[in-house]
Amino acid sequence: METALPQPTQTVQRTMALPIAVGILIACLAIGSVFLPIRWIFLGSELLIAVLYACSLNLLMGYGGMLSFGHSAYYALGAYASGLLLVRLSWSMETAMIAGPIVAAFGALIFGFFIIRGNRGEHSTFLMLTLAFSQLVFAVIYKWYAVTRGDDGITGIDASGGLSDPRHYFLFALAVVVLSLWLLARIKASPFGITLQAIRDNPQRAEFIGIPVRRYQLAAFIIAGTFAGVAGTLYAFFSGTISPQLADWTASARPFLANTMGGVHSFWGPVFGVLTLELVDSQVGRFTEHSLIAVGLLAILVGVYLPRGIVGLGQDIGAWMRARRAGRTP
């Protein structure tokens, strides 16, 4: 029985559909920022930052096969570096924003070096090492009161100039997040990203053919930490206040869940995961304060019945519908 092959026109249409849809979405968000109520603008900024945070972890989890439960360390380093430089040293907002991701990248370099060298190829060991280093950052922030003000946090991290307007800051965050996601997409589609996937699938074989596995893993750590630092810096100036909880293990659980629920091996999986978590939180939170229980139950259901996440389910449904239209299903 002959199998119908997709026509070139159909292939081009499918290839162009996603960029067009993304472009339309970005345009709608930009235009909507002028008309939407201010509470939606705040929610939009928060979701954009959460999406970038989760997508930065996706480079490690989905493409590198490195299950990190300490990604909050670099998020907090970016937030605290930019916040402290602005409030304590009176740096300009622009310079502090640039310095935040650089400090996060440096932290990822130092921590990643020890984590990768200490790992023996077991996911549980890797998870515990990343968690340990994130808790180290949390302890330093919490205890070093003279600099970080401990549990009191840092306040007064105010965006200046035009960015003091929440609508303008939303547009700024939108531009930064879109640029960051585009760079992450290019990195994942590059020879570096493809090599990283080969290491994820079989690190022993990759090392046998001459790939410097640890060097690639460390590079992925630094890149992921840098973009987490970008998200942390955006959050610091969005919130105006930061606290040690940014580095706690619970702050790492959110992007971890977003990746596993959305689809860890898909670029867009973390985006759908973040939106799903926000939807569950907001809707369940209307009836009870125990929305985390609903999130936990949903995570269990997705893990058991949807191992490829929400994106995987969508891909399966799309494939079934195309096969049905082609007459290959009953």
C-alpha atoms as a PDB file:
ATOM      1  CA  MET A   1       0.000   0.000   0.000  1.00  0.00           C
ATOM      2  CA  GLU A   2       1.425   3.340  -1.051  1.00  0.00           C
ATOM      3  CA  THR A   3       1.830   6.067   1.518  1.00  0.00           C
ATOM      4  CA  ALA A   4       0.952   9.573   0.463  1.00  0.00           C
ATOM      5  CA  LEU A   5       3.903  11.911   0.805  1.00  0.00           C
ATOM      6  CA  PRO A   6       3.435  15.564   1.747  1.00  0.00           C
ATOM      7  CA  GLN A   7       3.566  17.885  -1.229  1.00  0.00           C
ATOM      8  CA  PRO A   8       6.309  20.559  -1.325  1.00  0.00           C
ATOM      9  CA  THR A   9       3.678  23.284  -1.052  1.00  0.00           C
ATOM     10  CA  GLN A  10       2.289  21.700   2.121  1.00  0.00           C
ATOM     11  CA  THR A  11       5.794  21.433   3.595  1.00  0.00           C
ATOM     12  CA  VAL A  12       6.530  25.096   2.912  1.00  0.00           C
ATOM     13  CA  GLN A  13       3.176  26.109   4.393  1.00  0.00           C
ATOM     14  CA  ARG A  14       3.865  24.166   7.582  1.00  0.00           C
ATOM     15  CA  THR A  15       7.368  25.629   7.820  1.00  0.00           C
ATOM     16  CA  MET A  16       6.082  29.183   7.432  1.00  0.00           C
ATOM     17  CA  ALA A  17       3.011  28.764   9.638  1.00  0.00           C
ATOM     18  CA  LEU A  18       4.843  28.884  12.979  1.00  0.00           C
ATOM     19  CA  PRO A  19       6.930  32.044  12.334  1.00  0.00           C
ATOM     20  CA  ILE A  20       3.852  33.822  10.973  1.00  0.00           C
ATOM     21  CA  ALA A  21       1.776  32.790  13.995  1.00  0.00           C
ATOM     22  CA  VAL A  22       4.536  33.909  16.383  1.00  0.00           C
ATOM     23  CA  GLY A  23       4.867  37.225  14.544  1.00  0.00           C
ATOM     24  CA  ILE A  24       1.114  37.827  14.752  1.00  0.00           C
ATOM     25  CA  LEU A  25       1.152  36.979  18.476  1.00  0.00           C
ATOM     26  CA  ILE A  26       3.999  39.427  19.141  1.00  0.00           C
ATOM     27  CA  ALA A  27       2.217  42.159  17.187  1.00  0.00           C
ATOM     28  CA  CYS A  28      -1.010  41.525  19.120  1.00  0.00           C
ATOM     29  CA  LEU A  29       0.818  41.706  22.439  1.00  0.00           C
ATOM     30  CA  ALA A  30       2.517  44.956  21.470  1.00  0.00           C
ATOM     31  CA  ILE A  31      -0.723  46.556  20.288  1.00  0.00           C
ATOM     32  CA  GLY A  32      -2.685  45.155  23.216  1.00  0.00           C
ATOM     33  CA  SER A  33      -0.312  46.805  25.699  1.00  0.00           C
ATOM     34  CA  VAL A  34      -1.873  50.150  24.751  1.00  0.00           C
ATOM     35  CA  PHE A  35      -5.472  49.111  25.419  1.00  0.00           C
ATOM     36  CA  LEU A  36      -5.385  46.330  28.039  1.00  0.00           C
ATOM     37  CA  PRO A  37      -6.093  47.080  31.733  1.00  0.00           C
ATOM     38  CA  ILE A  38      -2.985  47.643  33.789  1.00  0.00           C
ATOM     39  CA  ARG A  39      -3.458  44.400  35.749  1.00  0.00           C
ATOM     40  CA  TRP A  40      -3.159  42.456  32.493  1.00  0.00           C
ATOM     41  CA  ILE A  41       0.020  44.376  31.689  1.00  0.00           C
ATOM     42  CA  PHE A  42       1.556  43.305  35.006  1.00  0.00           C
ATOM     43  CA  LEU A  43       0.458  39.714  34.413  1.00  0.00           C
ATOM     44  CA  GLY A  44       1.888  39.807  30.895  1.00  0.00           C
ATOM     45  CA  SER A  45       5.279  41.028  32.132  1.00  0.00           C
ATOM     46  CA  GLU A  46       5.349  38.337  34.797  1.00  0.00           C
ATOM     47  CA  LEU A  47       4.505  35.607  32.275  1.00  0.00           C
ATOM     48  CA  LEU A  48       7.147  36.811  29.810  1.00  0.00           C
ATOM     49  CA  ILE A  49       9.821  36.620  32.499  1.00  0.00           C
ATOM     50  CA  ALA A  50       8.613  33.155  33.588  1.00  0.00           C
ATOM     51  CA  VAL A  51       8.711  31.934  29.973  1.00  0.00           C
ATOM     52  CA  LEU A  52      12.320  33.045  29.507  1.00  0.00           C
ATOM     53  CA  TYR A  53      13.280  31.500  32.846  1.00  0.00           C
ATOM     54  CA  ALA A  54      11.740  28.141  31.884  1.00  0.00           C
ATOM     55  CA  CYS A  55      13.155  28.181  28.348  1.00  0.00           C
ATOM     56  CA  SER A  56      16.666  28.805  29.670  1.00  0.00           C
ATOM     57  CA  LEU A  57      16.348  25.635  31.761  1.00  0.00           C
ATOM     58  CA  ASN A  58      15.060  23.773  28.704  1.00  0.00           C
ATOM     59  CA  LEU A  59      18.510  24.046  27.102  1.00  0.00           C
ATOM     60  CA  LEU A  60      19.886  21.971  29.977  1.00  0.00           C
ATOM     61  CA  MET A  61      16.997  19.556  30.464  1.00  0.00           C
ATOM     62  CA  GLY A  62      15.591  19.030  27.000  1.00  0.00           C
ATOM     63  CA  TYR A  63      18.677  19.363  24.832  1.00  0.00           C
ATOM     64  CA  GLY A  64      21.488  18.526  27.241  1.00  0.00           C
ATOM     65  CA  GLY A  65      19.748  15.840  29.277  1.00  0.00           C
ATOM     66  CA  MET A  66      20.940  17.507  32.496  1.00  0.00           C
ATOM     67  CA  LEU A  67      18.137  17.561  35.055  1.00  0.00           C
ATOM     68  CA  SER A  68      18.823  20.655  37.118  1.00  0.00           C
ATOM     69  CA  PHE A  69      16.943  21.441  40.303  1.00  0.00           C
ATOM     70  CA  GLY A  70      19.091  24.466  41.088  1.00  0.00           C
ATOM     71  CA  HIS A  71      18.437  26.819  38.196  1.00  0.00           C
ATOM     72  CA  SER A  72      17.146  29.424  40.621  1.00  0.00           C
ATOM     73  CA  ALA A  73      20.758  30.147  41.607  1.00  0.00           C
ATOM     74  CA  TYR A  74      21.445  31.969  38.326  1.00  0.00           C
ATOM     75  CA  TYR A  75      18.047  33.638  38.321  1.00  0.00           C
ATOM     76  CA  ALA A  76      18.790  35.022  41.784  1.00  0.00           C
ATOM     77  CA  LEU A  77      22.368  35.979  40.898  1.00  0.00           C
ATOM     78  CA  GLY A  78      21.115  38.058  37.978  1.00  0.00           C
ATOM     79  CA  ALA A  79      18.431  39.707  40.103  1.00  0.00           C
ATOM     80  CA  TYR A  80      20.661  40.441  43.085  1.00  0.00           C
ATOM     81  CA  ALA A  81      23.649  41.606  41.038  1.00  0.00           C
ATOM     82  CA  SER A  82      21.602  44.148  39.101  1.00  0.00           C
ATOM     83  CA  GLY A  83      19.626  45.195  42.187  1.00  0.00           C
ATOM     84  CA  LEU A  84      22.647  45.665  44.437  1.00  0.00           C
ATOM     85  CA  LEU A  85      24.617  47.544  41.809  1.00  0.00           C
ATOM     86  CA  LEU A  86      21.724  49.929  41.303  1.00  0.00           C
ATOM     87  CA  VAL A  87      20.760  50.457  44.965  1.00  0.00           C
ATOM     88  CA  ARG A  88      24.086  50.107  46.800  1.00  0.00           C
ATOM     89  CA  LEU A  89      26.610  51.398  44.241  1.00  0.00           C
ATOM     90  CA  SER A  90      24.296  53.774  42.379  1.00  0.00           C
ATOM     91  CA  TRP A  91      25.089  52.330  38.979  1.00  0.00           C
ATOM     92  CA  SER A  92      22.865  53.361  36.121  1.00  0.00           C
ATOM     93  CA  MET A  93      19.911  51.134  35.299  1.00  0.00           C
ATOM     94  CA  GLU A  94      21.364  50.235  31.900  1.00  0.00           C
ATOM     95  CA  THR A  95      24.750  49.194  33.321  1.00  0.00           C
ATOM     96  CA  ALA A  96      23.152  47.223  36.162  1.00  0.00           C
ATOM     97  CA  MET A  97      20.917  45.393  33.687  1.00  0.00           C
ATOM     98  CA  ILE A  98      23.936  44.379  31.619  1.00  0.00           C
ATOM     99  CA  ALA A  99      25.934  43.309  34.674  1.00  0.00           C
ATOM    100  CA  GLY A 100      23.207  41.018  36.048  1.00  0.00           C
ATOM    101  CA  PRO A 101      23.404  38.330  33.334  1.00  0.00           C
ATOM    102  CA  ILE A 102      27.217  38.555  33.322  1.00  0.00           C
ATOM    103  CA  VAL A 103      27.345  37.753  37.045  1.00  0.00           C
ATOM    104  CA  ALA A 104      24.872  34.896  36.486  1.00  0.00           C
ATOM    105  CA  ALA A 105      27.045  33.524  33.661  1.00  0.00           C
ATOM    106  CA  PHE A 106      30.121  33.666  35.900  1.00  0.00           C
ATOM    107  CA  GLY A 107      28.224  31.816  38.629  1.00  0.00           C
ATOM    108  CA  ALA A 108      27.116  29.180  36.105  1.00  0.00           C
ATOM    109  CA  LEU A 109      30.747  28.784  35.007  1.00  0.00           C
ATOM    110  CA  ILE A 110      31.992  28.190  38.557  1.00  0.00           C
ATOM    111  CA  PHE A 111      29.117  25.975  39.696  1.00  0.00           C
ATOM    112  CA  GLY A 112      28.891  24.114  36.398  1.00  0.00           C
ATOM    113  CA  PHE A 113      32.588  23.245  36.525  1.00  0.00           C
ATOM    114  CA  PHE A 114      32.234  21.472  39.877  1.00  0.00           C
ATOM    115  CA  ILE A 115      28.811  19.986  39.133  1.00  0.00           C
ATOM    116  CA  ILE A 116      29.901  18.419  35.846  1.00  0.00           C
ATOM    117  CA  ARG A 117      33.185  17.133  37.268  1.00  0.00           C
ATOM    118  CA  GLY A 118      31.355  15.683  40.282  1.00  0.00           C
ATOM    119  CA  ASN A 119      28.709  13.985  38.175  1.00  0.00           C
ATOM    120  CA  ARG A 120      29.142  10.285  37.399  1.00  0.00           C
ATOM    121  CA  GLY A 121      26.462  10.027  34.748  1.00  0.00           C
ATOM    122  CA  GLU A 122      23.529   9.571  37.133  1.00  0.00           C
ATOM    123  CA  HIS A 123      20.551  11.943  36.976  1.00  0.00           C
ATOM    124  CA  SER A 124      20.004  11.712  40.743  1.00  0.00           C
ATOM    125  CA  THR A 125      23.573  12.835  41.453  1.00  0.00           C
ATOM    126  CA  PHE A 126      23.271  15.700  39.020  1.00  0.00           C
ATOM    127  CA  LEU A 127      19.989  16.811  40.590  1.00  0.00           C
ATOM    128  CA  MET A 128      21.450  16.787  44.087  1.00  0.00           C
ATOM    129  CA  LEU A 129      24.574  18.704  43.059  1.00  0.00           C
ATOM    130  CA  THR A 130      22.582  21.443  41.333  1.00  0.00           C
ATOM    131  CA  LEU A 131      20.255  21.643  44.337  1.00  0.00           C
ATOM    132  CA  ALA A 132      23.214  21.904  46.721  1.00  0.00           C
ATOM    133  CA  PHE A 133      24.774  24.831  44.855  1.00  0.00           C
ATOM    134  CA  SER A 134      21.475  26.682  44.611  1.00  0.00           C
ATOM    135  CA  GLN A 135      20.990  26.290  48.359  1.00  0.00           C
ATOM    136  CA  LEU A 136      24.496  27.633  48.832  1.00  0.00           C
ATOM    137  CA  VAL A 137      23.490  30.798  46.973  1.00  0.00           C
ATOM    138  CA  PHE A 138      20.325  30.968  49.060  1.00  0.00           C
ATOM    139  CA  ALA A 139      22.314  30.653  52.293  1.00  0.00           C
ATOM    140  CA  VAL A 140      24.772  33.388  51.295  1.00  0.00           C
ATOM    141  CA  ILE A 141      21.965  35.771  50.356  1.00  0.00           C
ATOM    142  CA  TYR A 142      20.040  34.960  53.524  1.00  0.00           C
ATOM    143  CA  LYS A 143      22.967  35.198  55.948  1.00  0.00           C
ATOM    144  CA  TRP A 144      25.044  38.057  54.458  1.00  0.00           C
ATOM    145  CA  TYR A 145      22.826  40.725  55.948  1.00  0.00           C
ATOM    146  CA  ALA A 146      25.377  43.534  55.666  1.00  0.00           C
ATOM    147  CA  VAL A 147      25.221  43.323  51.883  1.00  0.00           C
ATOM    148  CA  THR A 148      21.984  41.608  50.917  1.00  0.00           C
ATOM    149  CA  ARG A 149      19.887  42.614  53.972  1.00  0.00           C
ATOM    150  CA  GLY A 150      18.975  38.955  54.410  1.00  0.00           C
ATOM    151  CA  ASP A 151      15.304  38.136  54.662  1.00  0.00           C
ATOM    152  CA  ASP A 152      14.399  41.831  54.484  1.00  0.00           C
ATOM    153  CA  GLY A 153      15.398  41.792  50.842  1.00  0.00           C
ATOM    154  CA  ILE A 154      16.447  44.645  48.591  1.00  0.00           C
ATOM    155  CA  THR A 155      13.925  47.348  47.804  1.00  0.00           C
ATOM    156  CA  GLY A 156      13.947  50.413  45.600  1.00  0.00           C
ATOM    157  CA  ILE A 157      15.021  48.655  42.400  1.00  0.00           C
ATOM    158  CA  ASP A 158      13.068  51.066  40.263  1.00  0.00           C
ATOM    159  CA  ALA A 159      13.263  51.296  36.499  1.00  0.00           C
ATOM    160  CA  SER A 160      14.068  54.819  35.373  1.00  0.00           C
ATOM    161  CA  GLY A 161      13.172  56.897  32.380  1.00  0.00           C
ATOM    162  CA  GLY A 162      10.463  55.622  30.102  1.00  0.00           C
ATOM    163  CA  LEU A 163      10.628  52.141  31.617  1.00  0.00           C
ATOM    164  CA  SER A 164       9.053  53.447  34.829  1.00  0.00           C
ATOM    165  CA  ASP A 165       5.739  53.201  32.972  1.00  0.00           C
ATOM    166  CA  PRO A 166       4.454  49.582  33.330  1.00  0.00           C
ATOM    167  CA  ARG A 167       3.258  49.557  29.719  1.00  0.00           C
ATOM    168  CA  HIS A 168       6.648  50.631  28.446  1.00  0.00           C
ATOM    169  CA  TYR A 169       8.362  48.089  30.656  1.00  0.00           C
ATOM    170  CA  PHE A 170       6.085  45.387  29.253  1.00  0.00           C
ATOM    171  CA  LEU A 171       7.175  46.320  25.724  1.00  0.00           C
ATOM    172  CA  PHE A 172      10.798  46.309  26.842  1.00  0.00           C
ATOM    173  CA  ALA A 173      10.398  42.881  28.461  1.00  0.00           C
ATOM    174  CA  LEU A 174       8.632  41.624  25.341  1.00  0.00           C
ATOM    175  CA  ALA A 175      11.528  42.760  23.142  1.00  0.00           C
ATOM    176  CA  VAL A 176      14.166  41.243  25.438  1.00  0.00           C
ATOM    177  CA  VAL A 177      12.322  37.931  25.794  1.00  0.00           C
ATOM    178  CA  VAL A 178      11.636  37.630  22.055  1.00  0.00           C
ATOM    179  CA  LEU A 179      15.301  38.342  21.265  1.00  0.00           C
ATOM    180  CA  SER A 180      16.443  35.859  23.924  1.00  0.00           C
ATOM    181  CA  LEU A 181      14.117  33.122  22.665  1.00  0.00           C
ATOM    182  CA  TRP A 182      15.301  33.731  19.110  1.00  0.00           C
ATOM    183  CA  LEU A 183      18.916  33.359  20.253  1.00  0.00           C
ATOM    184  CA  LEU A 184      18.059  30.186  22.172  1.00  0.00           C
ATOM    185  CA  ALA A 185      16.304  28.782  19.106  1.00  0.00           C
ATOM    186  CA  ARG A 186      19.369  29.515  16.958  1.00  0.00           C
ATOM    187  CA  ILE A 187      21.644  27.912  19.532  1.00  0.00           C
ATOM    188  CA  LYS A 188      19.493  24.793  19.747  1.00  0.00           C
ATOM    189  CA  ALA A 189      19.341  24.470  15.946  1.00  0.00           C
ATOM    190  CA  SER A 190      23.092  25.053  15.544  1.00  0.00           C
ATOM    191  CA  PRO A 191      25.786  22.338  15.376  1.00  0.00           C
ATOM    192  CA  PHE A 192      26.352  23.021  19.076  1.00  0.00           C
ATOM    193  CA  GLY A 193      22.714  22.209  19.873  1.00  0.00           C
ATOM    194  CA  ILE A 194      22.747  19.090  17.710  1.00  0.00           C
ATOM    195  CA  THR A 195      25.949  17.893  19.381  1.00  0.00           C
ATOM    196  CA  LEU A 196      24.378  18.567  22.760  1.00  0.00           C
ATOM    197  CA  GLN A 197      21.457  16.311  21.817  1.00  0.00           C
ATOM    198  CA  ALA A 198      23.880  13.585  20.758  1.00  0.00           C
ATOM    199  CA  ILE A 199      25.535  13.818  24.174  1.00  0.00           C
ATOM    200  CA  ARG A 200      22.104  13.657  25.810  1.00  0.00           C
ATOM    201  CA  ASP A 201      21.161  10.497  23.895  1.00  0.00           C
ATOM    202  CA  ASN A 202      24.431   8.643  24.425  1.00  0.00           C
ATOM    203  CA  PRO A 203      27.274  10.417  26.250  1.00  0.00           C
ATOM    204  CA  GLN A 204      29.558   7.369  26.098  1.00  0.00           C
ATOM    205  CA  ARG A 205      29.288   7.101  22.316  1.00  0.00           C
ATOM    206  CA  ALA A 206      29.745  10.873  21.933  1.00  0.00           C
ATOM    207  CA  GLU A 207      32.914  10.733  24.009  1.00  0.00           C
ATOM    208  CA  PHE A 208      34.143   7.699  22.071  1.00  0.00           C
ATOM    209  CA  ILE A 209      33.960   9.568  18.730  1.00  0.00           C
ATOM    210  CA  GLY A 210      35.989  12.450  20.141  1.00  0.00           C
ATOM    211  CA  ILE A 211      33.380  14.952  21.392  1.00  0.00           C
ATOM    212  CA  PRO A 212      34.566  16.791  24.526  1.00  0.00           C
ATOM    213  CA  VAL A 213      31.434  15.984  26.498  1.00  0.00           C
ATOM    214  CA  ARG A 214      32.200  17.950  29.646  1.00  0.00           C
ATOM    215  CA  ARG A 215      33.202  21.024  27.658  1.00  0.00           C
ATOM    216  CA  TYR A 216      29.887  21.027  25.799  1.00  0.00           C
ATOM    217  CA  GLN A 217      27.951  20.470  29.003  1.00  0.00           C
ATOM    218  CA  LEU A 218      29.757  23.339  30.715  1.00  0.00           C
ATOM    219  CA  ALA A 219      29.063  25.612  27.739  1.00  0.00           C
ATOM    220  CA  ALA A 220      25.368  24.698  27.972  1.00  0.00           C
ATOM    221  CA  PHE A 221      25.461  25.472  31.687  1.00  0.00           C
ATOM    222  CA  ILE A 222      26.898  28.927  31.037  1.00  0.00           C
ATOM    223  CA  ILE A 223      24.425  29.743  28.266  1.00  0.00           C
ATOM    224  CA  ALA A 224      21.447  28.562  30.308  1.00  0.00           C
ATOM    225  CA  GLY A 225      22.699  30.460  33.358  1.00  0.00           C
ATOM    226  CA  THR A 226      23.138  33.631  31.319  1.00  0.00           C
ATOM    227  CA  PHE A 227      19.561  33.622  30.052  1.00  0.00           C
ATOM    228  CA  ALA A 228      18.294  32.773  33.544  1.00  0.00           C
ATOM    229  CA  GLY A 229      20.233  35.829  34.691  1.00  0.00           C
ATOM    230  CA  VAL A 230      18.484  37.914  32.027  1.00  0.00           C
ATOM    231  CA  ALA A 231      15.133  36.710  33.383  1.00  0.00           C
ATOM    232  CA  GLY A 232      16.220  37.472  36.950  1.00  0.00           C
ATOM    233  CA  THR A 233      17.335  40.974  36.000  1.00  0.00           C
ATOM    234  CA  LEU A 234      14.033  41.641  34.256  1.00  0.00           C
ATOM    235  CA  TYR A 235      12.199  40.430  37.355  1.00  0.00           C
ATOM    236  CA  ALA A 236      14.217  42.652  39.703  1.00  0.00           C
ATOM    237  CA  PHE A 237      13.280  45.824  37.836  1.00  0.00           C
ATOM    238  CA  PHE A 238       9.728  44.595  37.265  1.00  0.00           C
ATOM    239  CA  SER A 239       9.081  43.794  40.926  1.00  0.00           C
ATOM    240  CA  GLY A 240      11.222  46.515  42.491  1.00  0.00           C
ATOM    241  CA  THR A 241      11.856  44.179  45.441  1.00  0.00           C
ATOM    242  CA  ILE A 242      13.846  40.959  45.662  1.00  0.00           C
ATOM    243  CA  SER A 243      14.298  38.472  48.495  1.00  0.00           C
ATOM    244  CA  PRO A 244      16.326  35.292  49.202  1.00  0.00           C
ATOM    245  CA  GLN A 245      13.342  33.159  48.148  1.00  0.00           C
ATOM    246  CA  LEU A 246      14.424  33.760  44.553  1.00  0.00           C
ATOM    247  CA  ALA A 247      17.285  31.313  45.160  1.00  0.00           C
ATOM    248  CA  ASP A 248      15.371  28.755  47.216  1.00  0.00           C
ATOM    249  CA  TRP A 249      14.730  25.282  45.827  1.00  0.00           C
ATOM    250  CA  THR A 250      11.032  26.065  45.427  1.00  0.00           C
ATOM    251  CA  ALA A 251      11.953  28.734  42.868  1.00  0.00           C
ATOM    252  CA  SER A 252      13.670  26.016  40.804  1.00  0.00           C
ATOM    253  CA  ALA A 253      10.599  23.788  40.947  1.00  0.00           C
ATOM    254  CA  ARG A 254       8.480  26.165  38.867  1.00  0.00           C
ATOM    255  CA  PRO A 255      10.543  26.097  35.630  1.00  0.00           C
ATOM    256  CA  PHE A 256      11.227  22.389  36.183  1.00  0.00           C
ATOM    257  CA  LEU A 257       7.497  21.663  36.279  1.00  0.00           C
ATOM    258  CA  ALA A 258       6.874  23.941  33.295  1.00  0.00           C
ATOM    259  CA  ASN A 259       9.336  21.918  31.229  1.00  0.00           C
ATOM    260  CA  THR A 260       8.067  18.500  32.247  1.00  0.00           C
ATOM    261  CA  MET A 261       4.407  19.453  31.825  1.00  0.00           C
ATOM    262  CA  GLY A 262       4.812  21.331  28.562  1.00  0.00           C
ATOM    263  CA  GLY A 263       7.231  18.915  26.925  1.00  0.00           C
ATOM    264  CA  VAL A 264      10.886  18.862  27.850  1.00  0.00           C
ATOM    265  CA  HIS A 265      12.122  17.878  24.372  1.00  0.00           C
ATOM    266  CA  SER A 266      10.216  20.653  22.613  1.00  0.00           C
ATOM    267  CA  PHE A 267      11.364  24.258  22.263  1.00  0.00           C
ATOM    268  CA  TRP A 268       7.824  25.498  22.894  1.00  0.00           C
ATOM    269  CA  GLY A 269       7.137  23.030  25.697  1.00  0.00           C
ATOM    270  CA  PRO A 270       8.190  25.404  28.524  1.00  0.00           C
ATOM    271  CA  VAL A 271       5.949  28.144  27.080  1.00  0.00           C
ATOM    272  CA  PHE A 272       2.869  25.926  27.235  1.00  0.00           C
ATOM    273  CA  GLY A 273       3.970  24.651  30.633  1.00  0.00           C
ATOM    274  CA  VAL A 274       4.195  28.185  32.071  1.00  0.00           C
ATOM    275  CA  LEU A 275       0.785  29.101  30.660  1.00  0.00           C
ATOM    276  CA  THR A 276      -0.760  25.900  32.031  1.00  0.00           C
ATOM    277  CA  LEU A 277       0.669  26.488  35.496  1.00  0.00           C
ATOM    278  CA  GLU A 278      -0.599  30.069  35.509  1.00  0.00           C
ATOM    279  CA  LEU A 279      -4.044  28.932  34.354  1.00  0.00           C
ATOM    280  CA  VAL A 280      -4.274  26.296  37.081  1.00  0.00           C
ATOM    281  CA  ASP A 281      -3.022  28.714  39.740  1.00  0.00           C
ATOM    282  CA  SER A 282      -5.426  31.472  38.779  1.00  0.00           C
ATOM    283  CA  GLN A 283      -8.517  29.320  38.327  1.00  0.00           C
ATOM    284  CA  VAL A 284      -8.051  26.979  41.268  1.00  0.00           C
ATOM    285  CA  GLY A 285      -6.917  29.930  43.394  1.00  0.00           C
ATOM    286  CA  ARG A 286     -10.362  31.467  42.960  1.00  0.00           C
ATOM    287  CA  PHE A 287     -11.879  28.668  45.063  1.00  0.00           C
ATOM    288  CA  THR A 288      -9.100  27.592  47.425  1.00  0.00           C
ATOM    289  CA  GLU A 289      -5.704  28.721  48.664  1.00  0.00           C
ATOM    290  CA  HIS A 290      -4.297  25.223  48.104  1.00  0.00           C
ATOM    291  CA  SER A 291      -3.657  25.619  44.395  1.00  0.00           C
ATOM    292  CA  LEU A 292      -0.273  23.894  44.750  1.00  0.00           C
ATOM    293  CA  ILE A 293      -2.116  20.630  45.390  1.00  0.00           C
ATOM    294  CA  ALA A 294      -3.842  20.977  42.012  1.00  0.00           C
ATOM    295  CA  VAL A 295      -0.490  21.729  40.366  1.00  0.00           C
ATOM    296  CA  GLY A 296       1.032  18.618  41.955  1.00  0.00           C
ATOM    297  CA  LEU A 297      -1.848  16.395  40.852  1.00  0.00           C
ATOM    298  CA  LEU A 298      -1.659  17.776  37.326  1.00  0.00           C
ATOM    299  CA  ALA A 299       2.094  17.162  37.223  1.00  0.00           C
ATOM    300  CA  ILE A 300       1.529  13.533  38.275  1.00  0.00           C
ATOM    301  CA  LEU A 301      -1.155  13.028  35.624  1.00  0.00           C
ATOM    302  CA  VAL A 302       1.044  14.513  32.901  1.00  0.00           C
ATOM    303  CA  GLY A 303       4.029  12.437  34.015  1.00  0.00           C
ATOM    304  CA  VAL A 304       2.031   9.192  33.950  1.00  0.00           C
ATOM    305  CA  TYR A 305      -0.212   9.678  30.913  1.00  0.00           C
ATOM    306  CA  LEU A 306       1.611  12.310  28.843  1.00  0.00           C
ATOM    307  CA  PRO A 307       5.352  11.569  29.019  1.00  0.00           C
ATOM    308  CA  ARG A 308       5.941  13.931  26.055  1.00  0.00           C
ATOM    309  CA  GLY A 309       3.974  16.694  27.726  1.00  0.00           C
ATOM    310  CA  ILE A 310       1.258  18.955  26.389  1.00  0.00           C
ATOM    311  CA  VAL A 311       3.156  19.673  23.184  1.00  0.00           C
ATOM    312  CA  GLY A 312       3.564  15.943  22.557  1.00  0.00           C
ATOM    313  CA  LEU A 313      -0.180  15.476  22.953  1.00  0.00           C
ATOM    314  CA  GLY A 314      -0.804  18.296  20.472  1.00  0.00           C
ATOM    315  CA  GLN A 315       1.617  16.735  17.994  1.00  0.00           C
ATOM    316  CA  ASP A 316      -0.115  13.355  18.293  1.00  0.00           C
ATOM    317  CA  ILE A 317      -3.526  14.938  17.726  1.00  0.00           C
ATOM    318  CA  GLY A 318      -2.192  16.890  14.735  1.00  0.00           C
ATOM    319  CA  ALA A 319      -0.667  13.747  13.208  1.00  0.00           C
ATOM    320  CA  TRP A 320      -3.924  11.844  13.708  1.00  0.00           C
ATOM    321  CA  MET A 321      -5.937  14.621  12.049  1.00  0.00           C
ATOM    322  CA  ARG A 322      -3.568  14.779   9.052  1.00  0.00           C
ATOM    323  CA  ALA A 323      -3.714  11.007   8.689  1.00  0.00           C
ATOM    324  CA  ARG A 324      -7.507  11.131   8.871  1.00  0.00           C
ATOM    325  CA  ARG A 325      -7.691  13.775   6.156  1.00  0.00           C
ATOM    326  CA  ALA A 326      -5.355  11.658   4.015  1.00  0.00           C
ATOM    327  CA  GLY A 327      -7.659   8.672   4.482  1.00  0.00           C
ATOM    328  CA  ARG A 328      -5.141   6.530   6.374  1.00  0.00           C
ATOM    329  CA  THR A 329      -7.307   6.065   9.467  1.00  0.00           C
ATOM    330  CA  PRO A 330     -10.733   4.461   9.821  1.00  0.00           C
END
